[in-house]
Amino acid sequence: VALALGLADHPGSARIVWHDTVIETSAAFLAVCVLGIGYGLHLLLRLWHFLRNGPVLWQLNRRIGKMQAGEDNLTRGLVALAAGNAPEAGRLAVAARKTLGNAAAAQWLQAQAALLAGDRRAAQELFRTLAAQDDTAVLGYRGLINQARRAGQWDEVDHLVQDLQKAKPATPWLSLVRMESA
């Protein structure tokens, strides 16, 4: 707008000589042509970028959408778990596992929903799966230890505590569990 106002206040002419060709026009028309060519080049560059990176960006956006849906399912599943709604928590945990894969949080939610529903065998299998992985071992063992404590299986508690001690010796609550089971 400032360029247009400046050219309107101070009209002038432009002369371009290239080899045997001479172009004479107004400065305002030349400025509009330069801006138009620049904008056209910008659009071509954007089109090239879209054609080159479009599929990757589309896949990335889909993946981000799936992750957000999985996180939403986890959040709603935790709320259902806190409300004591085992079927809803289990359904949301399964939905979260479908979108997030075998994420530890989704497995833990599904195990807790199974416990709430009274399916101790399914919960135990999920906790064992978590315990078998190095990064989620504490989650799995804690679930298994709590199940064994509720069932009064103190030998199993000691065995699980020893296994966790070998896998993750710096777990702070292990000494408390040992004192309670002794």
N, C-alpha and C. Protein backbone atom coordinates (compact mmCIF):
# COMPACT_ATOMS: atom_id res chain seq x y z
N VAL A 1 0.84 -1.19 0.00
CA VAL A 1 0.00 0.00 0.00
C VAL A 1 0.88 1.24 0.00
N ALA A 2 1.96 1.22 0.82
CA ALA A 2 2.86 2.38 0.86
C ALA A 2 3.54 2.57 -0.49
N LEU A 3 3.91 1.47 -1.13
CA LEU A 3 4.53 1.57 -2.45
C LEU A 3 3.55 2.15 -3.46
N ALA A 4 2.31 1.72 -3.43
CA ALA A 4 1.29 2.22 -4.35
C ALA A 4 1.05 3.71 -4.12
N LEU A 5 0.96 4.11 -2.86
CA LEU A 5 0.76 5.54 -2.55
C LEU A 5 1.97 6.36 -2.99
N GLY A 6 3.16 5.84 -2.78
CA GLY A 6 4.37 6.57 -3.19
C GLY A 6 4.45 6.72 -4.69
N LEU A 7 4.10 5.66 -5.41
CA LEU A 7 4.12 5.76 -6.87
C LEU A 7 3.02 6.67 -7.40
N ALA A 8 1.89 6.70 -6.71
CA ALA A 8 0.79 7.58 -7.13
C ALA A 8 1.16 9.05 -6.92
N ASP A 9 1.88 9.34 -5.82
CA ASP A 9 2.28 10.72 -5.54
C ASP A 9 3.43 11.18 -6.44
N HIS A 10 4.31 10.28 -6.80
CA HIS A 10 5.48 10.61 -7.61
C HIS A 10 5.52 9.72 -8.85
N PRO A 11 4.67 10.02 -9.82
CA PRO A 11 4.67 9.17 -11.01
C PRO A 11 5.99 9.31 -11.76
N GLY A 12 6.35 8.27 -12.43
CA GLY A 12 7.59 8.28 -13.20
C GLY A 12 7.51 7.26 -14.30
N SER A 13 8.58 7.14 -15.01
CA SER A 13 8.62 6.16 -16.08
C SER A 13 9.83 5.28 -15.88
N ALA A 14 9.73 4.10 -16.51
CA ALA A 14 10.84 3.17 -16.44
C ALA A 14 11.18 2.75 -17.85
N ARG A 15 12.48 2.60 -18.06
CA ARG A 15 12.93 2.19 -19.38
C ARG A 15 13.91 1.05 -19.19
N ILE A 16 13.60 -0.06 -19.88
CA ILE A 16 14.46 -1.23 -19.80
C ILE A 16 15.00 -1.49 -21.20
N VAL A 17 16.31 -1.58 -21.30
CA VAL A 17 16.96 -1.85 -22.59
C VAL A 17 17.71 -3.16 -22.44
N TRP A 18 17.36 -4.08 -23.34
CA TRP A 18 18.05 -5.38 -23.31
C TRP A 18 18.34 -5.77 -24.74
N HIS A 19 19.60 -5.78 -25.07
CA HIS A 19 20.07 -6.00 -26.44
C HIS A 19 19.34 -5.03 -27.37
N ASP A 20 18.56 -5.52 -28.28
CA ASP A 20 17.88 -4.62 -29.22
C ASP A 20 16.46 -4.28 -28.78
N THR A 21 16.04 -4.79 -27.62
CA THR A 21 14.67 -4.59 -27.17
C THR A 21 14.63 -3.46 -26.16
N VAL A 22 13.69 -2.56 -26.33
CA VAL A 22 13.49 -1.44 -25.42
C VAL A 22 12.05 -1.50 -24.91
N ILE A 23 11.92 -1.48 -23.58
CA ILE A 23 10.59 -1.49 -22.96
C ILE A 23 10.45 -0.20 -22.17
N GLU A 24 9.43 0.55 -22.50
CA GLU A 24 9.15 1.78 -21.75
C GLU A 24 7.77 1.66 -21.14
N THR A 25 7.69 1.91 -19.85
CA THR A 25 6.42 1.80 -19.13
C THR A 25 6.45 2.73 -17.93
N SER A 26 5.34 2.79 -17.23
CA SER A 26 5.30 3.62 -16.02
C SER A 26 5.94 2.86 -14.86
N ALA A 27 6.43 3.58 -13.90
CA ALA A 27 7.08 2.96 -12.74
C ALA A 27 6.06 2.16 -11.92
N ALA A 28 4.82 2.61 -11.88
CA ALA A 28 3.79 1.90 -11.12
C ALA A 28 3.51 0.54 -11.76
N PHE A 29 3.41 0.51 -13.10
CA PHE A 29 3.16 -0.77 -13.77
C PHE A 29 4.35 -1.71 -13.59
N LEU A 30 5.56 -1.20 -13.65
CA LEU A 30 6.75 -2.02 -13.45
C LEU A 30 6.77 -2.60 -12.02
N ALA A 31 6.40 -1.80 -11.03
CA ALA A 31 6.36 -2.29 -9.64
C ALA A 31 5.31 -3.38 -9.48
N VAL A 32 4.15 -3.18 -10.10
CA VAL A 32 3.09 -4.20 -10.03
C VAL A 32 3.56 -5.48 -10.71
N CYS A 33 4.24 -5.38 -11.85
CA CYS A 33 4.75 -6.57 -12.54
C CYS A 33 5.79 -7.31 -11.70
N VAL A 34 6.70 -6.56 -11.08
CA VAL A 34 7.72 -7.19 -10.22
C VAL A 34 7.07 -7.89 -9.03
N LEU A 35 6.09 -7.25 -8.41
CA LEU A 35 5.39 -7.88 -7.29
C LEU A 35 4.62 -9.12 -7.75
N GLY A 36 3.98 -9.03 -8.91
CA GLY A 36 3.24 -10.18 -9.44
C GLY A 36 4.16 -11.36 -9.74
N ILE A 37 5.30 -11.08 -10.36
CA ILE A 37 6.26 -12.15 -10.66
C ILE A 37 6.80 -12.75 -9.37
N GLY A 38 7.09 -11.92 -8.39
CA GLY A 38 7.57 -12.42 -7.09
C GLY A 38 6.53 -13.31 -6.41
N TYR A 39 5.29 -12.87 -6.45
CA TYR A 39 4.22 -13.67 -5.83
C TYR A 39 4.02 -14.98 -6.58
N GLY A 40 4.10 -14.93 -7.91
CA GLY A 40 4.00 -16.15 -8.71
C GLY A 40 5.12 -17.13 -8.38
N LEU A 41 6.34 -16.64 -8.25
CA LEU A 41 7.47 -17.50 -7.87
C LEU A 41 7.27 -18.10 -6.47
N HIS A 42 6.73 -17.29 -5.58
CA HIS A 42 6.44 -17.78 -4.23
C HIS A 42 5.43 -18.93 -4.28
N LEU A 43 4.37 -18.76 -5.09
CA LEU A 43 3.37 -19.82 -5.22
C LEU A 43 3.96 -21.08 -5.84
N LEU A 44 4.83 -20.93 -6.84
CA LEU A 44 5.49 -22.09 -7.43
C LEU A 44 6.38 -22.81 -6.42
N LEU A 45 7.08 -22.05 -5.62
CA LEU A 45 7.92 -22.65 -4.58
C LEU A 45 7.07 -23.40 -3.56
N ARG A 46 5.96 -22.82 -3.17
CA ARG A 46 5.06 -23.51 -2.22
C ARG A 46 4.50 -24.79 -2.82
N LEU A 47 4.14 -24.75 -4.11
CA LEU A 47 3.64 -25.94 -4.79
C LEU A 47 4.72 -27.02 -4.83
N TRP A 48 5.94 -26.63 -5.15
CA TRP A 48 7.05 -27.58 -5.17
C TRP A 48 7.25 -28.20 -3.78
N HIS A 49 7.21 -27.39 -2.76
CA HIS A 49 7.37 -27.89 -1.39
C HIS A 49 6.25 -28.86 -1.05
N PHE A 50 5.03 -28.53 -1.44
CA PHE A 50 3.90 -29.41 -1.14
C PHE A 50 4.04 -30.74 -1.88
N LEU A 51 4.41 -30.69 -3.16
CA LEU A 51 4.56 -31.92 -3.93
C LEU A 51 5.71 -32.79 -3.40
N ARG A 52 6.74 -32.14 -2.94
CA ARG A 52 7.91 -32.87 -2.45
C ARG A 52 7.70 -33.43 -1.05
N ASN A 53 7.09 -32.67 -0.15
CA ASN A 53 6.95 -33.06 1.26
C ASN A 53 5.52 -33.39 1.67
N GLY A 54 4.57 -33.25 0.78
CA GLY A 54 3.16 -33.46 1.12
C GLY A 54 2.85 -34.81 1.72
N PRO A 55 3.27 -35.93 1.07
CA PRO A 55 2.95 -37.24 1.64
C PRO A 55 3.54 -37.47 3.03
N VAL A 56 4.75 -37.00 3.25
CA VAL A 56 5.37 -37.18 4.56
C VAL A 56 4.63 -36.36 5.61
N LEU A 57 4.28 -35.13 5.27
CA LEU A 57 3.54 -34.29 6.21
C LEU A 57 2.15 -34.86 6.49
N TRP A 58 1.52 -35.43 5.47
CA TRP A 58 0.21 -36.04 5.65
C TRP A 58 0.30 -37.21 6.61
N GLN A 59 1.33 -38.08 6.43
CA GLN A 59 1.52 -39.21 7.34
C GLN A 59 1.80 -38.72 8.76
N LEU A 60 2.61 -37.70 8.88
CA LEU A 60 2.93 -37.16 10.19
C LEU A 60 1.68 -36.60 10.87
N ASN A 61 0.84 -35.90 10.13
CA ASN A 61 -0.39 -35.36 10.70
C ASN A 61 -1.33 -36.48 11.13
N ARG A 62 -1.40 -37.55 10.34
CA ARG A 62 -2.23 -38.71 10.73
C ARG A 62 -1.70 -39.35 12.01
N ARG A 63 -0.39 -39.50 12.09
CA ARG A 63 0.21 -40.11 13.28
C ARG A 63 -0.03 -39.25 14.52
N ILE A 64 0.09 -37.94 14.36
CA ILE A 64 -0.18 -37.04 15.49
C ILE A 64 -1.64 -37.14 15.91
N GLY A 65 -2.54 -37.22 14.93
CA GLY A 65 -3.97 -37.37 15.25
C GLY A 65 -4.24 -38.66 16.00
N LYS A 66 -3.59 -39.75 15.58
CA LYS A 66 -3.77 -41.03 16.28
C LYS A 66 -3.25 -40.94 17.71
N MET A 67 -2.09 -40.28 17.89
CA MET A 67 -1.54 -40.14 19.23
C MET A 67 -2.47 -39.33 20.13
N GLN A 68 -3.03 -38.27 19.59
CA GLN A 68 -3.96 -37.46 20.37
C GLN A 68 -5.21 -38.26 20.73
N ALA A 69 -5.71 -39.05 19.78
CA ALA A 69 -6.88 -39.89 20.08
C ALA A 69 -6.53 -40.93 21.15
N GLY A 70 -5.34 -41.51 21.06
CA GLY A 70 -4.91 -42.47 22.07
C GLY A 70 -4.78 -41.84 23.45
N GLU A 71 -4.22 -40.64 23.49
CA GLU A 71 -4.09 -39.94 24.78
C GLU A 71 -5.46 -39.59 25.34
N ASP A 72 -6.38 -39.20 24.48
CA ASP A 72 -7.75 -38.92 24.93
C ASP A 72 -8.39 -40.18 25.51
N ASN A 73 -8.19 -41.33 24.84
CA ASN A 73 -8.73 -42.59 25.35
C ASN A 73 -8.11 -42.94 26.69
N LEU A 74 -6.80 -42.70 26.83
CA LEU A 74 -6.15 -42.96 28.13
C LEU A 74 -6.74 -42.09 29.23
N THR A 75 -6.89 -40.81 28.94
CA THR A 75 -7.43 -39.90 29.95
C THR A 75 -8.84 -40.29 30.36
N ARG A 76 -9.69 -40.55 29.37
CA ARG A 76 -11.06 -40.94 29.69
C ARG A 76 -11.10 -42.29 30.40
N GLY A 77 -10.15 -43.19 30.04
CA GLY A 77 -10.06 -44.48 30.72
C GLY A 77 -9.66 -44.33 32.18
N LEU A 78 -8.73 -43.43 32.46
CA LEU A 78 -8.34 -43.18 33.85
C LEU A 78 -9.49 -42.59 34.66
N VAL A 79 -10.25 -41.71 34.03
CA VAL A 79 -11.41 -41.14 34.71
C VAL A 79 -12.44 -42.24 34.99
N ALA A 80 -12.67 -43.12 34.01
CA ALA A 80 -13.61 -44.23 34.21
C ALA A 80 -13.11 -45.17 35.29
N LEU A 81 -11.80 -45.39 35.34
CA LEU A 81 -11.21 -46.24 36.38
C LEU A 81 -11.42 -45.61 37.76
N ALA A 82 -11.19 -44.32 37.85
CA ALA A 82 -11.38 -43.63 39.13
C ALA A 82 -12.84 -43.63 39.54
N ALA A 83 -13.75 -43.63 38.57
CA ALA A 83 -15.18 -43.65 38.88
C ALA A 83 -15.68 -45.06 39.19
N GLY A 84 -14.83 -46.06 38.97
CA GLY A 84 -15.23 -47.43 39.26
C GLY A 84 -15.98 -48.10 38.13
N ASN A 85 -15.91 -47.53 36.94
CA ASN A 85 -16.61 -48.06 35.78
C ASN A 85 -15.66 -48.98 35.01
N ALA A 86 -15.58 -50.24 35.43
CA ALA A 86 -14.62 -51.18 34.85
C ALA A 86 -14.86 -51.45 33.36
N PRO A 87 -16.11 -51.67 32.91
CA PRO A 87 -16.29 -51.93 31.48
C PRO A 87 -15.85 -50.77 30.58
N GLU A 88 -16.19 -49.56 31.00
CA GLU A 88 -15.80 -48.39 30.21
C GLU A 88 -14.27 -48.21 30.22
N ALA A 89 -13.65 -48.40 31.38
CA ALA A 89 -12.19 -48.28 31.48
C ALA A 89 -11.51 -49.34 30.62
N GLY A 90 -12.03 -50.55 30.62
CA GLY A 90 -11.46 -51.60 29.79
C GLY A 90 -11.62 -51.31 28.31
N ARG A 91 -12.79 -50.82 27.92
CA ARG A 91 -13.04 -50.49 26.51
C ARG A 91 -12.10 -49.38 26.05
N LEU A 92 -11.93 -48.37 26.89
CA LEU A 92 -11.05 -47.27 26.53
C LEU A 92 -9.58 -47.68 26.53
N ALA A 93 -9.21 -48.61 27.40
CA ALA A 93 -7.84 -49.12 27.41
C ALA A 93 -7.54 -49.88 26.12
N VAL A 94 -8.49 -50.69 25.68
CA VAL A 94 -8.31 -51.42 24.42
C VAL A 94 -8.22 -50.45 23.26
N ALA A 95 -9.06 -49.42 23.26
CA ALA A 95 -9.02 -48.41 22.20
C ALA A 95 -7.68 -47.67 22.21
N ALA A 96 -7.16 -47.38 23.40
CA ALA A 96 -5.86 -46.71 23.50
C ALA A 96 -4.75 -47.61 22.98
N ARG A 97 -4.83 -48.91 23.28
CA ARG A 97 -3.81 -49.83 22.77
C ARG A 97 -3.88 -49.96 21.26
N LYS A 98 -5.07 -49.83 20.68
CA LYS A 98 -5.18 -49.90 19.22
C LYS A 98 -4.52 -48.70 18.57
N THR A 99 -4.66 -47.54 19.17
CA THR A 99 -4.09 -46.35 18.55
C THR A 99 -2.64 -46.11 18.95
N LEU A 100 -2.26 -46.47 20.17
CA LEU A 100 -0.91 -46.21 20.66
C LEU A 100 0.01 -47.42 20.57
N GLY A 101 -0.53 -48.57 20.21
CA GLY A 101 0.28 -49.78 20.25
C GLY A 101 0.33 -50.29 21.67
N ASN A 102 1.36 -51.01 21.99
CA ASN A 102 1.48 -51.56 23.34
C ASN A 102 2.19 -50.58 24.27
N ALA A 103 1.66 -49.39 24.36
CA ALA A 103 2.22 -48.39 25.27
C ALA A 103 2.00 -48.85 26.71
N ALA A 104 2.97 -48.57 27.55
CA ALA A 104 2.92 -49.02 28.94
C ALA A 104 1.69 -48.46 29.67
N ALA A 105 1.36 -47.22 29.42
CA ALA A 105 0.22 -46.61 30.10
C ALA A 105 -1.08 -47.31 29.71
N ALA A 106 -1.21 -47.68 28.45
CA ALA A 106 -2.43 -48.37 28.00
C ALA A 106 -2.50 -49.78 28.59
N GLN A 107 -1.36 -50.47 28.67
CA GLN A 107 -1.34 -51.80 29.28
C GLN A 107 -1.68 -51.72 30.76
N TRP A 108 -1.12 -50.72 31.43
CA TRP A 108 -1.39 -50.57 32.86
C TRP A 108 -2.87 -50.27 33.09
N LEU A 109 -3.43 -49.38 32.27
CA LEU A 109 -4.85 -49.06 32.39
C LEU A 109 -5.70 -50.30 32.16
N GLN A 110 -5.35 -51.10 31.18
CA GLN A 110 -6.12 -52.31 30.91
C GLN A 110 -6.00 -53.30 32.07
N ALA A 111 -4.82 -53.40 32.66
CA ALA A 111 -4.64 -54.29 33.82
C ALA A 111 -5.48 -53.81 35.01
N GLN A 112 -5.49 -52.52 35.25
CA GLN A 112 -6.26 -51.98 36.37
C GLN A 112 -7.76 -52.16 36.13
N ALA A 113 -8.18 -51.99 34.88
CA ALA A 113 -9.60 -52.20 34.55
C ALA A 113 -9.97 -53.67 34.75
N ALA A 114 -9.07 -54.58 34.39
CA ALA A 114 -9.32 -56.01 34.60
C ALA A 114 -9.42 -56.32 36.09
N LEU A 115 -8.55 -55.71 36.89
CA LEU A 115 -8.64 -55.91 38.35
C LEU A 115 -9.97 -55.40 38.89
N LEU A 116 -10.37 -54.23 38.43
CA LEU A 116 -11.63 -53.65 38.90
C LEU A 116 -12.81 -54.52 38.51
N ALA A 117 -12.71 -55.17 37.34
CA ALA A 117 -13.79 -56.05 36.88
C ALA A 117 -13.72 -57.43 37.53
N GLY A 118 -12.64 -57.70 38.28
CA GLY A 118 -12.50 -58.99 38.95
C GLY A 118 -11.80 -60.05 38.12
N ASP A 119 -11.24 -59.68 36.99
CA ASP A 119 -10.52 -60.63 36.14
C ASP A 119 -9.04 -60.60 36.52
N ARG A 120 -8.70 -61.30 37.59
CA ARG A 120 -7.33 -61.28 38.12
C ARG A 120 -6.34 -61.95 37.16
N ARG A 121 -6.79 -62.96 36.43
CA ARG A 121 -5.89 -63.67 35.50
C ARG A 121 -5.44 -62.74 34.38
N ALA A 122 -6.37 -62.01 33.78
CA ALA A 122 -6.00 -61.07 32.72
C ALA A 122 -5.08 -59.98 33.25
N ALA A 123 -5.39 -59.47 34.44
CA ALA A 123 -4.54 -58.43 35.04
C ALA A 123 -3.14 -58.96 35.29
N GLN A 124 -3.06 -60.19 35.77
CA GLN A 124 -1.76 -60.78 36.07
C GLN A 124 -0.93 -60.95 34.78
N GLU A 125 -1.58 -61.36 33.70
CA GLU A 125 -0.86 -61.50 32.43
C GLU A 125 -0.33 -60.15 31.95
N LEU A 126 -1.16 -59.12 32.08
CA LEU A 126 -0.72 -57.79 31.66
C LEU A 126 0.41 -57.27 32.54
N PHE A 127 0.31 -57.50 33.85
CA PHE A 127 1.38 -57.07 34.75
C PHE A 127 2.67 -57.85 34.46
N ARG A 128 2.56 -59.12 34.12
CA ARG A 128 3.75 -59.91 33.77
C ARG A 128 4.39 -59.38 32.48
N THR A 129 3.57 -58.97 31.54
CA THR A 129 4.10 -58.38 30.31
C THR A 129 4.86 -57.10 30.62
N LEU A 130 4.30 -56.28 31.49
CA LEU A 130 4.98 -55.04 31.89
C LEU A 130 6.26 -55.35 32.66
N ALA A 131 6.22 -56.36 33.52
CA ALA A 131 7.40 -56.71 34.33
C ALA A 131 8.53 -57.25 33.47
N ALA A 132 8.21 -57.84 32.34
CA ALA A 132 9.23 -58.43 31.48
C ALA A 132 10.04 -57.39 30.71
N GLN A 133 9.52 -56.19 30.61
CA GLN A 133 10.22 -55.13 29.88
C GLN A 133 11.03 -54.29 30.87
N ASP A 134 12.24 -53.95 30.48
CA ASP A 134 13.13 -53.26 31.39
C ASP A 134 12.60 -51.89 31.82
N ASP A 135 12.03 -51.13 30.88
CA ASP A 135 11.59 -49.78 31.22
C ASP A 135 10.27 -49.74 31.98
N THR A 136 9.49 -50.83 31.97
CA THR A 136 8.21 -50.85 32.68
C THR A 136 8.19 -51.91 33.79
N ALA A 137 9.35 -52.42 34.14
CA ALA A 137 9.42 -53.51 35.13
C ALA A 137 8.80 -53.10 36.47
N VAL A 138 9.05 -51.90 36.91
CA VAL A 138 8.54 -51.45 38.21
C VAL A 138 7.01 -51.45 38.20
N LEU A 139 6.40 -50.98 37.12
CA LEU A 139 4.93 -50.99 37.02
C LEU A 139 4.39 -52.42 37.11
N GLY A 140 4.99 -53.31 36.35
CA GLY A 140 4.52 -54.69 36.34
C GLY A 140 4.69 -55.38 37.67
N TYR A 141 5.88 -55.25 38.25
CA TYR A 141 6.11 -55.90 39.54
C TYR A 141 5.24 -55.31 40.63
N ARG A 142 5.03 -54.01 40.59
CA ARG A 142 4.16 -53.40 41.62
C ARG A 142 2.75 -53.98 41.54
N GLY A 143 2.23 -54.12 40.33
CA GLY A 143 0.91 -54.73 40.18
C GLY A 143 0.89 -56.16 40.67
N LEU A 144 1.90 -56.94 40.30
CA LEU A 144 1.96 -58.34 40.74
C LEU A 144 2.10 -58.45 42.25
N ILE A 145 2.93 -57.60 42.84
CA ILE A 145 3.13 -57.62 44.29
C ILE A 145 1.84 -57.25 45.01
N ASN A 146 1.15 -56.23 44.52
CA ASN A 146 -0.11 -55.83 45.16
C ASN A 146 -1.16 -56.93 45.05
N GLN A 147 -1.21 -57.63 43.91
CA GLN A 147 -2.15 -58.75 43.78
C GLN A 147 -1.82 -59.86 44.76
N ALA A 148 -0.54 -60.19 44.89
CA ALA A 148 -0.14 -61.26 45.80
C ALA A 148 -0.40 -60.86 47.25
N ARG A 149 -0.20 -59.58 47.58
CA ARG A 149 -0.47 -59.12 48.95
C ARG A 149 -1.96 -59.22 49.27
N ARG A 150 -2.81 -58.83 48.33
CA ARG A 150 -4.26 -58.91 48.56
C ARG A 150 -4.71 -60.35 48.74
N ALA A 151 -4.05 -61.26 48.03
CA ALA A 151 -4.42 -62.68 48.12
C ALA A 151 -3.76 -63.36 49.32
N GLY A 152 -2.88 -62.64 50.03
CA GLY A 152 -2.20 -63.22 51.19
C GLY A 152 -1.11 -64.22 50.83
N GLN A 153 -0.59 -64.14 49.62
CA GLN A 153 0.47 -65.03 49.16
C GLN A 153 1.83 -64.39 49.46
N TRP A 154 2.27 -64.51 50.71
CA TRP A 154 3.46 -63.81 51.15
C TRP A 154 4.74 -64.40 50.57
N ASP A 155 4.76 -65.69 50.27
CA ASP A 155 5.93 -66.28 49.62
C ASP A 155 6.08 -65.72 48.21
N GLU A 156 4.96 -65.56 47.52
CA GLU A 156 4.98 -64.97 46.19
C GLU A 156 5.43 -63.50 46.25
N VAL A 157 4.99 -62.79 47.29
CA VAL A 157 5.42 -61.40 47.47
C VAL A 157 6.93 -61.35 47.63
N ASP A 158 7.49 -62.22 48.48
CA ASP A 158 8.95 -62.24 48.68
C ASP A 158 9.68 -62.56 47.38
N HIS A 159 9.17 -63.53 46.64
CA HIS A 159 9.79 -63.92 45.38
C HIS A 159 9.76 -62.74 44.38
N LEU A 160 8.63 -62.07 44.28
CA LEU A 160 8.51 -60.93 43.36
C LEU A 160 9.40 -59.76 43.78
N VAL A 161 9.48 -59.53 45.08
CA VAL A 161 10.34 -58.45 45.59
C VAL A 161 11.80 -58.76 45.25
N GLN A 162 12.21 -60.01 45.39
CA GLN A 162 13.58 -60.38 45.04
C GLN A 162 13.84 -60.19 43.55
N ASP A 163 12.87 -60.59 42.73
CA ASP A 163 13.03 -60.40 41.28
C ASP A 163 13.15 -58.93 40.92
N LEU A 164 12.32 -58.10 41.54
CA LEU A 164 12.39 -56.66 41.28
C LEU A 164 13.69 -56.08 41.80
N GLN A 165 14.15 -56.57 42.95
CA GLN A 165 15.42 -56.10 43.51
C GLN A 165 16.56 -56.37 42.54
N LYS A 166 16.52 -57.53 41.86
CA LYS A 166 17.56 -57.85 40.87
C LYS A 166 17.43 -56.95 39.64
N ALA A 167 16.21 -56.72 39.21
CA ALA A 167 16.00 -55.93 37.99
C ALA A 167 16.20 -54.43 38.23
N LYS A 168 15.64 -53.92 39.29
CA LYS A 168 15.70 -52.48 39.60
C LYS A 168 16.04 -52.29 41.08
N PRO A 169 17.32 -52.38 41.44
CA PRO A 169 17.69 -52.32 42.86
C PRO A 169 17.43 -50.96 43.52
N ALA A 170 17.29 -49.91 42.77
CA ALA A 170 17.11 -48.58 43.36
C ALA A 170 15.65 -48.23 43.58
N THR A 171 14.74 -49.18 43.54
CA THR A 171 13.32 -48.90 43.74
C THR A 171 13.09 -48.60 45.23
N PRO A 172 12.64 -47.39 45.57
CA PRO A 172 12.59 -46.97 46.98
C PRO A 172 11.57 -47.72 47.84
N TRP A 173 10.46 -48.19 47.30
CA TRP A 173 9.41 -48.77 48.12
C TRP A 173 9.64 -50.25 48.38
N LEU A 174 10.71 -50.84 47.87
CA LEU A 174 10.97 -52.27 48.10
C LEU A 174 11.21 -52.59 49.56
N SER A 175 11.95 -51.75 50.26
CA SER A 175 12.23 -52.01 51.68
C SER A 175 10.95 -51.96 52.51
N LEU A 176 10.03 -51.10 52.15
CA LEU A 176 8.76 -51.02 52.87
C LEU A 176 7.94 -52.30 52.66
N VAL A 177 7.94 -52.81 51.46
CA VAL A 177 7.21 -54.06 51.17
C VAL A 177 7.85 -55.23 51.92
N ARG A 178 9.18 -55.23 51.97
CA ARG A 178 9.87 -56.30 52.71
C ARG A 178 9.50 -56.26 54.20
N MET A 179 9.44 -55.06 54.75
CA MET A 179 9.10 -54.93 56.18
C MET A 179 7.65 -55.40 56.42
N GLU A 180 6.75 -55.06 55.53
CA GLU A 180 5.35 -55.44 55.70
C GLU A 180 5.14 -56.93 55.54
N SER A 181 5.93 -57.58 54.69
CA SER A 181 5.73 -59.00 54.46
C SER A 181 6.49 -59.85 55.48
N ALA A 182 7.34 -59.26 56.24
CA ALA A 182 8.11 -60.04 57.23
C ALA A 182 7.32 -60.32 58.48
